[in-house]
Amino acid sequence: MQAPPVKDGPRINEDIRVPRVLLIDQNGEKQGVMPTSSALEAAEEAGLDLVEIVPNADPPVCKILDYGKFKFQEQKKKNEARKRQKVVEIKEIKLRPNIDTHDYEVKAKAMHRFFEEGDKVKVTLRFRGRELAHPELGMKLLQQVKADFEPVAKVEYEPRMEGRQMIMILAPR
């Protein structure tokens, strides 16, 4: 035998199985605690639905309202919340230890743009060949990046060697 399908969302009308409910009418006024049957009658008289708003309360809070309109409003709220949500991306900037000043300025300009968009920036400093013998030059460069972006970004992941590269992650303030 199959179990009855589980409905998502609040219980309405005959689905409300508790003996007593706290009723709020269609005008938003509290009517007090009453038997569920009389609350259902009041909803029927108004030509609306009895919707369980706070099921965990004792007794549960029910409101007389148009369920279709209520569902539509909930859906609109969810869509608005989804629209306002900003997904933080991690953008990567790749540098070399002996980067020229102009090249550094171009990379810094891109990083400023990323911070304005609200994204995090992963600064990767790649060492090749004999550059690996002087990691202090790379650390000096990353400290300069840290100092240059102090007003707009905070360091989330301190500079650290990982194999042949040094990595640092900055997040916008």
N, C-alpha and C. Protein backbone atom coordinates (compact mmCIF):
# COMPACT_ATOMS: atom_id res chain seq x y z
N MET A 1 0.83 -1.20 0.00
CA MET A 1 0.00 0.00 0.00
C MET A 1 0.87 1.25 0.00
N GLN A 2 0.46 2.22 -0.78
CA GLN A 2 1.24 3.45 -0.93
C GLN A 2 0.78 4.50 0.08
N ALA A 3 1.76 5.26 0.60
CA ALA A 3 1.43 6.36 1.51
C ALA A 3 0.84 7.51 0.70
N PRO A 4 -0.04 8.31 1.32
CA PRO A 4 -0.61 9.44 0.59
C PRO A 4 0.49 10.43 0.23
N PRO A 5 0.36 11.11 -0.92
CA PRO A 5 1.39 12.07 -1.32
C PRO A 5 1.52 13.20 -0.31
N VAL A 6 2.75 13.59 -0.04
CA VAL A 6 3.01 14.66 0.92
C VAL A 6 2.94 15.99 0.19
N LYS A 7 2.09 16.89 0.69
CA LYS A 7 1.95 18.21 0.07
C LYS A 7 3.01 19.15 0.60
N ASP A 8 3.53 19.97 -0.29
CA ASP A 8 4.45 21.01 0.19
C ASP A 8 3.65 22.29 0.40
N GLY A 9 4.11 23.10 1.30
CA GLY A 9 3.39 24.33 1.60
C GLY A 9 2.49 24.15 2.81
N PRO A 10 1.77 25.20 3.19
CA PRO A 10 0.93 25.14 4.40
C PRO A 10 -0.32 24.28 4.18
N ARG A 11 -0.87 23.77 5.28
CA ARG A 11 -2.11 22.99 5.19
C ARG A 11 -3.27 23.97 5.07
N ILE A 12 -4.28 23.56 4.29
CA ILE A 12 -5.45 24.43 4.11
C ILE A 12 -6.74 23.65 4.36
N ASN A 13 -7.77 24.38 4.75
CA ASN A 13 -9.12 23.88 4.97
C ASN A 13 -9.17 22.53 5.71
N GLU A 14 -9.66 21.45 5.04
CA GLU A 14 -9.86 20.16 5.71
C GLU A 14 -8.56 19.45 6.06
N ASP A 15 -7.44 19.90 5.52
CA ASP A 15 -6.15 19.27 5.87
C ASP A 15 -5.71 19.62 7.28
N ILE A 16 -6.29 20.65 7.87
CA ILE A 16 -5.94 21.06 9.23
C ILE A 16 -6.66 20.12 10.19
N ARG A 17 -5.87 19.28 10.90
CA ARG A 17 -6.44 18.22 11.72
C ARG A 17 -6.41 18.50 13.24
N VAL A 18 -5.91 19.64 13.66
CA VAL A 18 -5.84 19.93 15.10
C VAL A 18 -7.22 20.35 15.62
N PRO A 19 -7.51 20.08 16.90
CA PRO A 19 -8.85 20.40 17.42
C PRO A 19 -9.12 21.90 17.57
N ARG A 20 -8.09 22.70 17.95
CA ARG A 20 -8.30 24.13 18.18
C ARG A 20 -7.23 24.93 17.46
N VAL A 21 -7.59 26.11 16.97
CA VAL A 21 -6.66 26.99 16.27
C VAL A 21 -6.83 28.43 16.76
N LEU A 22 -5.78 29.21 16.60
CA LEU A 22 -5.85 30.65 16.85
C LEU A 22 -6.19 31.28 15.51
N LEU A 23 -7.33 31.94 15.41
CA LEU A 23 -7.82 32.43 14.12
C LEU A 23 -7.51 33.92 13.93
N ILE A 24 -7.05 34.24 12.72
CA ILE A 24 -6.88 35.63 12.30
C ILE A 24 -7.76 35.80 11.07
N ASP A 25 -8.66 36.78 11.08
CA ASP A 25 -9.60 36.92 9.97
C ASP A 25 -8.96 37.61 8.76
N GLN A 26 -9.75 37.79 7.70
CA GLN A 26 -9.22 38.34 6.45
C GLN A 26 -8.73 39.77 6.58
N ASN A 27 -9.15 40.49 7.62
CA ASN A 27 -8.71 41.87 7.84
C ASN A 27 -7.45 41.94 8.69
N GLY A 28 -6.95 40.78 9.13
CA GLY A 28 -5.74 40.73 9.94
C GLY A 28 -6.01 40.91 11.42
N GLU A 29 -7.28 40.81 11.84
CA GLU A 29 -7.62 40.97 13.25
C GLU A 29 -7.69 39.60 13.92
N LYS A 30 -7.16 39.55 15.15
CA LYS A 30 -7.12 38.30 15.89
C LYS A 30 -8.52 37.99 16.45
N GLN A 31 -9.03 36.81 16.13
CA GLN A 31 -10.36 36.39 16.60
C GLN A 31 -10.28 35.52 17.86
N GLY A 32 -9.07 35.04 18.18
CA GLY A 32 -8.89 34.23 19.39
C GLY A 32 -8.87 32.74 19.08
N VAL A 33 -8.71 31.94 20.15
CA VAL A 33 -8.65 30.48 20.02
C VAL A 33 -10.06 29.95 19.87
N MET A 34 -10.27 29.04 18.90
CA MET A 34 -11.59 28.46 18.67
C MET A 34 -11.44 27.08 18.05
N PRO A 35 -12.51 26.29 18.07
CA PRO A 35 -12.45 24.98 17.42
C PRO A 35 -12.21 25.13 15.92
N THR A 36 -11.53 24.16 15.34
CA THR A 36 -11.19 24.22 13.92
C THR A 36 -12.45 24.26 13.06
N SER A 37 -13.49 23.53 13.48
CA SER A 37 -14.73 23.49 12.68
C SER A 37 -15.35 24.89 12.53
N SER A 38 -15.41 25.66 13.63
CA SER A 38 -16.00 27.01 13.54
C SER A 38 -15.10 27.94 12.74
N ALA A 39 -13.77 27.72 12.78
CA ALA A 39 -12.85 28.53 11.97
C ALA A 39 -13.09 28.25 10.48
N LEU A 40 -13.32 26.97 10.16
CA LEU A 40 -13.62 26.59 8.77
C LEU A 40 -14.92 27.23 8.29
N GLU A 41 -15.93 27.24 9.19
CA GLU A 41 -17.21 27.87 8.84
C GLU A 41 -17.04 29.36 8.56
N ALA A 42 -16.24 30.02 9.40
CA ALA A 42 -15.99 31.45 9.22
C ALA A 42 -15.30 31.71 7.87
N ALA A 43 -14.37 30.83 7.49
CA ALA A 43 -13.68 30.98 6.21
C ALA A 43 -14.64 30.78 5.06
N GLU A 44 -15.55 29.78 5.19
CA GLU A 44 -16.53 29.50 4.15
C GLU A 44 -17.48 30.68 3.95
N GLU A 45 -17.90 31.28 5.06
CA GLU A 45 -18.80 32.44 5.01
C GLU A 45 -18.15 33.59 4.24
N ALA A 46 -16.84 33.74 4.46
CA ALA A 46 -16.12 34.83 3.79
C ALA A 46 -15.80 34.45 2.33
N GLY A 47 -16.00 33.18 1.97
CA GLY A 47 -15.71 32.73 0.62
C GLY A 47 -14.22 32.60 0.36
N LEU A 48 -13.45 32.36 1.43
CA LEU A 48 -11.99 32.24 1.32
C LEU A 48 -11.54 30.92 1.94
N ASP A 49 -10.22 30.73 2.02
CA ASP A 49 -9.66 29.50 2.57
C ASP A 49 -9.12 29.74 3.97
N LEU A 50 -9.09 28.66 4.77
CA LEU A 50 -8.45 28.69 6.08
C LEU A 50 -7.05 28.11 5.88
N VAL A 51 -6.02 28.94 6.09
CA VAL A 51 -4.64 28.52 5.83
C VAL A 51 -3.86 28.53 7.14
N GLU A 52 -3.14 27.41 7.39
CA GLU A 52 -2.32 27.30 8.60
C GLU A 52 -1.02 28.07 8.35
N ILE A 53 -0.85 29.19 9.04
CA ILE A 53 0.30 30.06 8.84
C ILE A 53 1.48 29.63 9.71
N VAL A 54 1.22 29.39 11.02
CA VAL A 54 2.28 28.98 11.94
C VAL A 54 1.88 27.62 12.53
N PRO A 55 2.30 26.51 11.88
CA PRO A 55 1.88 25.19 12.35
C PRO A 55 2.53 24.75 13.65
N ASN A 56 3.69 25.31 14.01
CA ASN A 56 4.42 24.85 15.20
C ASN A 56 3.96 25.52 16.49
N ALA A 57 3.13 26.54 16.39
CA ALA A 57 2.65 27.24 17.58
C ALA A 57 1.65 26.37 18.33
N ASP A 58 1.35 26.76 19.56
CA ASP A 58 0.37 26.01 20.34
C ASP A 58 -0.68 26.97 20.85
N PRO A 59 -1.89 27.04 20.34
CA PRO A 59 -2.39 26.28 19.19
C PRO A 59 -1.88 26.87 17.88
N PRO A 60 -1.95 26.10 16.77
CA PRO A 60 -1.49 26.61 15.47
C PRO A 60 -2.24 27.87 15.05
N VAL A 61 -1.53 28.78 14.38
CA VAL A 61 -2.15 30.03 13.93
C VAL A 61 -2.68 29.83 12.52
N CYS A 62 -3.97 30.10 12.32
CA CYS A 62 -4.60 29.98 11.00
C CYS A 62 -5.15 31.34 10.59
N LYS A 63 -5.14 31.57 9.28
CA LYS A 63 -5.61 32.85 8.77
C LYS A 63 -6.61 32.61 7.65
N ILE A 64 -7.60 33.47 7.57
CA ILE A 64 -8.58 33.38 6.49
C ILE A 64 -8.07 34.25 5.34
N LEU A 65 -7.77 33.60 4.20
CA LEU A 65 -7.27 34.34 3.05
C LEU A 65 -7.48 33.55 1.77
N ASP A 66 -7.24 34.19 0.64
CA ASP A 66 -7.34 33.53 -0.67
C ASP A 66 -6.04 32.76 -0.89
N TYR A 67 -6.11 31.41 -0.89
CA TYR A 67 -4.91 30.59 -0.95
C TYR A 67 -4.15 30.76 -2.27
N GLY A 68 -4.86 30.89 -3.37
CA GLY A 68 -4.20 31.07 -4.67
C GLY A 68 -3.37 32.34 -4.70
N LYS A 69 -3.95 33.42 -4.17
CA LYS A 69 -3.26 34.71 -4.11
C LYS A 69 -2.05 34.60 -3.18
N PHE A 70 -2.22 33.89 -2.05
CA PHE A 70 -1.15 33.69 -1.07
C PHE A 70 0.03 32.96 -1.71
N LYS A 71 -0.25 31.88 -2.45
CA LYS A 71 0.81 31.11 -3.12
C LYS A 71 1.54 31.97 -4.14
N PHE A 72 0.78 32.78 -4.87
CA PHE A 72 1.37 33.66 -5.88
C PHE A 72 2.33 34.66 -5.23
N GLN A 73 1.91 35.25 -4.10
CA GLN A 73 2.76 36.22 -3.39
C GLN A 73 4.04 35.55 -2.89
N GLU A 74 3.92 34.33 -2.36
CA GLU A 74 5.10 33.59 -1.88
C GLU A 74 6.08 33.34 -3.01
N GLN A 75 5.56 32.95 -4.17
CA GLN A 75 6.40 32.68 -5.34
C GLN A 75 7.12 33.95 -5.78
N LYS A 76 6.40 35.09 -5.75
CA LYS A 76 7.01 36.36 -6.12
C LYS A 76 8.15 36.71 -5.17
N LYS A 77 7.94 36.47 -3.85
CA LYS A 77 8.99 36.76 -2.86
C LYS A 77 10.23 35.92 -3.13
N LYS A 78 10.02 34.63 -3.43
CA LYS A 78 11.16 33.74 -3.71
C LYS A 78 11.93 34.21 -4.93
N ASN A 79 11.20 34.60 -5.98
CA ASN A 79 11.86 35.06 -7.20
C ASN A 79 12.65 36.34 -6.96
N GLU A 80 12.09 37.26 -6.17
CA GLU A 80 12.81 38.50 -5.83
C GLU A 80 14.09 38.20 -5.07
N ALA A 81 14.00 37.28 -4.11
CA ALA A 81 15.18 36.92 -3.32
C ALA A 81 16.25 36.32 -4.23
N ARG A 82 15.82 35.51 -5.18
CA ARG A 82 16.78 34.88 -6.10
C ARG A 82 17.42 35.93 -6.99
N LYS A 83 16.67 36.96 -7.38
CA LYS A 83 17.21 38.02 -8.24
C LYS A 83 18.28 38.82 -7.51
N ARG A 84 18.01 39.12 -6.24
CA ARG A 84 18.94 39.96 -5.47
C ARG A 84 20.21 39.22 -5.07
N GLN A 85 20.18 37.90 -5.15
CA GLN A 85 21.31 37.10 -4.70
C GLN A 85 22.51 37.32 -5.62
N LYS A 86 23.69 37.53 -5.05
CA LYS A 86 24.91 37.71 -5.83
C LYS A 86 25.82 36.53 -5.57
N VAL A 87 26.17 35.82 -6.63
CA VAL A 87 27.09 34.69 -6.50
C VAL A 87 28.51 35.25 -6.56
N VAL A 88 29.29 35.02 -5.50
CA VAL A 88 30.65 35.52 -5.45
C VAL A 88 31.55 34.57 -6.23
N GLU A 89 32.20 35.11 -7.23
CA GLU A 89 33.12 34.31 -8.03
C GLU A 89 34.53 34.60 -7.60
N ILE A 90 35.43 33.65 -7.87
CA ILE A 90 36.85 33.88 -7.61
C ILE A 90 37.51 34.08 -8.96
N LYS A 91 38.00 35.29 -9.18
CA LYS A 91 38.72 35.62 -10.41
C LYS A 91 40.21 35.41 -10.15
N GLU A 92 40.93 34.98 -11.16
CA GLU A 92 42.35 34.72 -10.96
C GLU A 92 43.20 35.70 -11.76
N ILE A 93 44.22 36.23 -11.10
CA ILE A 93 45.20 37.09 -11.74
C ILE A 93 46.54 36.37 -11.63
N LYS A 94 47.20 36.17 -12.78
CA LYS A 94 48.49 35.47 -12.78
C LYS A 94 49.62 36.48 -12.96
N LEU A 95 50.60 36.38 -12.10
CA LEU A 95 51.75 37.27 -12.14
C LEU A 95 53.03 36.46 -12.24
N ARG A 96 54.13 37.16 -12.55
CA ARG A 96 55.47 36.56 -12.54
C ARG A 96 56.32 37.42 -11.60
N PRO A 97 57.36 36.85 -10.98
CA PRO A 97 58.16 37.61 -10.01
C PRO A 97 58.81 38.86 -10.58
N ASN A 98 59.25 38.82 -11.86
CA ASN A 98 59.93 39.99 -12.42
C ASN A 98 59.01 40.76 -13.36
N ILE A 99 57.78 41.05 -12.90
CA ILE A 99 56.78 41.77 -13.72
C ILE A 99 57.19 43.24 -13.84
N ASP A 100 56.94 43.80 -15.02
CA ASP A 100 57.27 45.20 -15.27
C ASP A 100 56.20 46.09 -14.64
N THR A 101 56.52 47.35 -14.39
CA THR A 101 55.59 48.25 -13.68
C THR A 101 54.29 48.45 -14.45
N HIS A 102 54.38 48.65 -15.77
CA HIS A 102 53.16 48.87 -16.55
C HIS A 102 52.28 47.63 -16.57
N ASP A 103 52.92 46.45 -16.71
CA ASP A 103 52.16 45.20 -16.69
C ASP A 103 51.45 45.04 -15.35
N TYR A 104 52.14 45.40 -14.28
CA TYR A 104 51.55 45.32 -12.94
C TYR A 104 50.35 46.25 -12.83
N GLU A 105 50.48 47.48 -13.39
CA GLU A 105 49.37 48.45 -13.33
C GLU A 105 48.14 47.93 -14.08
N VAL A 106 48.36 47.26 -15.21
CA VAL A 106 47.25 46.70 -15.99
C VAL A 106 46.53 45.63 -15.16
N LYS A 107 47.31 44.76 -14.51
CA LYS A 107 46.72 43.70 -13.67
C LYS A 107 45.98 44.32 -12.48
N ALA A 108 46.56 45.38 -11.90
CA ALA A 108 45.94 46.04 -10.74
C ALA A 108 44.61 46.67 -11.15
N LYS A 109 44.55 47.24 -12.34
CA LYS A 109 43.32 47.84 -12.84
C LYS A 109 42.22 46.77 -12.96
N ALA A 110 42.60 45.61 -13.48
CA ALA A 110 41.64 44.50 -13.61
C ALA A 110 41.17 44.05 -12.22
N MET A 111 42.08 44.00 -11.27
CA MET A 111 41.72 43.59 -9.90
C MET A 111 40.75 44.58 -9.28
N HIS A 112 40.98 45.88 -9.50
CA HIS A 112 40.05 46.90 -8.99
C HIS A 112 38.65 46.68 -9.55
N ARG A 113 38.58 46.37 -10.86
CA ARG A 113 37.29 46.12 -11.49
C ARG A 113 36.60 44.90 -10.85
N PHE A 114 37.38 43.84 -10.58
CA PHE A 114 36.81 42.64 -9.96
C PHE A 114 36.26 42.96 -8.57
N PHE A 115 36.99 43.76 -7.81
CA PHE A 115 36.53 44.11 -6.45
C PHE A 115 35.27 44.95 -6.50
N GLU A 116 35.17 45.84 -7.49
CA GLU A 116 33.96 46.66 -7.63
C GLU A 116 32.74 45.80 -7.94
N GLU A 117 32.95 44.71 -8.69
CA GLU A 117 31.86 43.78 -9.02
C GLU A 117 31.53 42.86 -7.85
N GLY A 118 32.33 42.91 -6.79
CA GLY A 118 32.06 42.10 -5.60
C GLY A 118 32.67 40.71 -5.66
N ASP A 119 33.62 40.49 -6.55
CA ASP A 119 34.24 39.17 -6.66
C ASP A 119 35.53 39.10 -5.85
N LYS A 120 35.90 37.86 -5.49
CA LYS A 120 37.19 37.64 -4.83
C LYS A 120 38.25 37.50 -5.91
N VAL A 121 39.51 37.76 -5.54
CA VAL A 121 40.60 37.64 -6.50
C VAL A 121 41.68 36.72 -5.93
N LYS A 122 42.04 35.73 -6.75
CA LYS A 122 43.13 34.81 -6.39
C LYS A 122 44.35 35.26 -7.17
N VAL A 123 45.37 35.70 -6.45
CA VAL A 123 46.60 36.16 -7.10
C VAL A 123 47.57 34.98 -7.12
N THR A 124 47.91 34.54 -8.32
CA THR A 124 48.83 33.40 -8.48
C THR A 124 50.14 33.93 -9.04
N LEU A 125 51.22 33.64 -8.35
CA LEU A 125 52.55 34.07 -8.77
C LEU A 125 53.31 32.82 -9.19
N ARG A 126 53.55 32.67 -10.49
CA ARG A 126 54.18 31.46 -11.00
C ARG A 126 55.68 31.65 -11.14
N PHE A 127 56.44 30.69 -10.62
CA PHE A 127 57.91 30.72 -10.72
C PHE A 127 58.33 29.73 -11.81
N ARG A 128 59.29 30.17 -12.67
CA ARG A 128 59.81 29.27 -13.70
C ARG A 128 61.33 29.22 -13.62
N GLY A 129 61.86 28.04 -13.78
CA GLY A 129 63.32 27.87 -13.84
C GLY A 129 64.02 28.34 -12.58
N ARG A 130 65.00 29.22 -12.75
CA ARG A 130 65.83 29.66 -11.63
C ARG A 130 65.11 30.67 -10.72
N GLU A 131 63.94 31.18 -11.16
CA GLU A 131 63.18 32.10 -10.31
C GLU A 131 62.82 31.43 -8.98
N LEU A 132 62.71 30.10 -9.01
CA LEU A 132 62.32 29.36 -7.82
C LEU A 132 63.37 29.48 -6.70
N ALA A 133 64.59 29.85 -7.08
CA ALA A 133 65.66 30.01 -6.08
C ALA A 133 65.47 31.28 -5.25
N HIS A 134 64.58 32.21 -5.68
CA HIS A 134 64.36 33.46 -4.97
C HIS A 134 62.89 33.69 -4.65
N PRO A 135 62.32 32.87 -3.75
CA PRO A 135 60.91 33.07 -3.40
C PRO A 135 60.66 34.39 -2.66
N GLU A 136 61.73 34.98 -2.08
CA GLU A 136 61.55 36.25 -1.37
C GLU A 136 61.14 37.37 -2.32
N LEU A 137 61.54 37.29 -3.60
CA LEU A 137 61.11 38.29 -4.59
C LEU A 137 59.60 38.18 -4.82
N GLY A 138 59.11 36.96 -4.88
CA GLY A 138 57.67 36.74 -5.05
C GLY A 138 56.90 37.23 -3.83
N MET A 139 57.43 36.95 -2.64
CA MET A 139 56.77 37.38 -1.41
C MET A 139 56.72 38.90 -1.36
N LYS A 140 57.82 39.56 -1.80
CA LYS A 140 57.88 41.02 -1.82
C LYS A 140 56.80 41.58 -2.75
N LEU A 141 56.62 40.94 -3.92
CA LEU A 141 55.61 41.38 -4.89
C LEU A 141 54.20 41.22 -4.30
N LEU A 142 53.94 40.08 -3.66
CA LEU A 142 52.61 39.86 -3.09
C LEU A 142 52.34 40.80 -1.91
N GLN A 143 53.38 41.16 -1.16
CA GLN A 143 53.21 42.14 -0.08
C GLN A 143 52.87 43.51 -0.67
N GLN A 144 53.45 43.82 -1.85
CA GLN A 144 53.14 45.08 -2.52
C GLN A 144 51.68 45.08 -2.97
N VAL A 145 51.21 43.94 -3.51
CA VAL A 145 49.80 43.82 -3.93
C VAL A 145 48.90 44.03 -2.71
N LYS A 146 49.26 43.39 -1.61
CA LYS A 146 48.50 43.50 -0.36
C LYS A 146 48.42 44.96 0.09
N ALA A 147 49.54 45.66 0.04
CA ALA A 147 49.59 47.06 0.47
C ALA A 147 48.78 47.95 -0.48
N ASP A 148 48.88 47.70 -1.80
CA ASP A 148 48.18 48.53 -2.78
C ASP A 148 46.67 48.40 -2.66
N PHE A 149 46.18 47.22 -2.26
CA PHE A 149 44.74 46.98 -2.21
C PHE A 149 44.18 47.02 -0.79
N GLU A 150 44.97 47.49 0.16
CA GLU A 150 44.53 47.57 1.57
C GLU A 150 43.20 48.31 1.73
N PRO A 151 42.97 49.47 1.05
CA PRO A 151 41.70 50.19 1.25
C PRO A 151 40.47 49.47 0.68
N VAL A 152 40.65 48.69 -0.40
CA VAL A 152 39.48 48.08 -1.05
C VAL A 152 39.30 46.60 -0.80
N ALA A 153 40.36 45.90 -0.31
CA ALA A 153 40.25 44.45 -0.14
C ALA A 153 40.98 43.98 1.10
N LYS A 154 40.49 42.88 1.64
CA LYS A 154 41.17 42.27 2.79
C LYS A 154 41.72 40.91 2.36
N VAL A 155 42.83 40.51 2.99
CA VAL A 155 43.46 39.24 2.65
C VAL A 155 42.68 38.12 3.32
N GLU A 156 42.21 37.19 2.50
CA GLU A 156 41.45 36.06 3.03
C GLU A 156 42.35 34.85 3.21
N TYR A 157 43.40 34.76 2.38
CA TYR A 157 44.32 33.63 2.39
C TYR A 157 45.71 34.21 2.20
N GLU A 158 46.52 34.18 3.24
CA GLU A 158 47.85 34.79 3.21
C GLU A 158 48.72 34.14 2.12
N PRO A 159 49.73 34.89 1.60
CA PRO A 159 50.61 34.34 0.57
C PRO A 159 51.30 33.06 1.06
N ARG A 160 51.25 32.02 0.22
CA ARG A 160 51.80 30.73 0.61
C ARG A 160 52.30 30.00 -0.64
N MET A 161 53.43 29.33 -0.50
CA MET A 161 53.99 28.55 -1.61
C MET A 161 53.19 27.26 -1.76
N GLU A 162 52.85 26.94 -3.01
CA GLU A 162 52.22 25.66 -3.32
C GLU A 162 52.91 25.14 -4.57
N GLY A 163 53.91 24.30 -4.38
CA GLY A 163 54.68 23.78 -5.52
C GLY A 163 55.51 24.89 -6.14
N ARG A 164 55.29 25.14 -7.44
CA ARG A 164 56.06 26.16 -8.16
C ARG A 164 55.36 27.51 -8.17
N GLN A 165 54.28 27.65 -7.40
CA GLN A 165 53.58 28.93 -7.40
C GLN A 165 53.25 29.39 -5.98
N MET A 166 53.09 30.70 -5.86
CA MET A 166 52.72 31.32 -4.60
C MET A 166 51.31 31.88 -4.77
N ILE A 167 50.43 31.60 -3.80
CA ILE A 167 49.02 31.97 -3.95
C ILE A 167 48.57 32.85 -2.79
N MET A 168 47.70 33.83 -3.12
CA MET A 168 47.09 34.69 -2.12
C MET A 168 45.67 34.99 -2.60
N ILE A 169 44.70 34.98 -1.68
CA ILE A 169 43.32 35.31 -2.05
C ILE A 169 42.89 36.57 -1.32
N LEU A 170 42.32 37.51 -2.10
CA LEU A 170 41.81 38.78 -1.55
C LEU A 170 40.31 38.84 -1.74
N ALA A 171 39.60 39.37 -0.76
CA ALA A 171 38.15 39.54 -0.85
C ALA A 171 37.82 41.01 -0.70
N PRO A 172 36.76 41.49 -1.39
CA PRO A 172 36.42 42.90 -1.28
C PRO A 172 35.94 43.26 0.13
N ARG A 173 36.21 44.49 0.55
CA ARG A 173 35.79 44.94 1.89
C ARG A 173 34.31 45.28 1.86
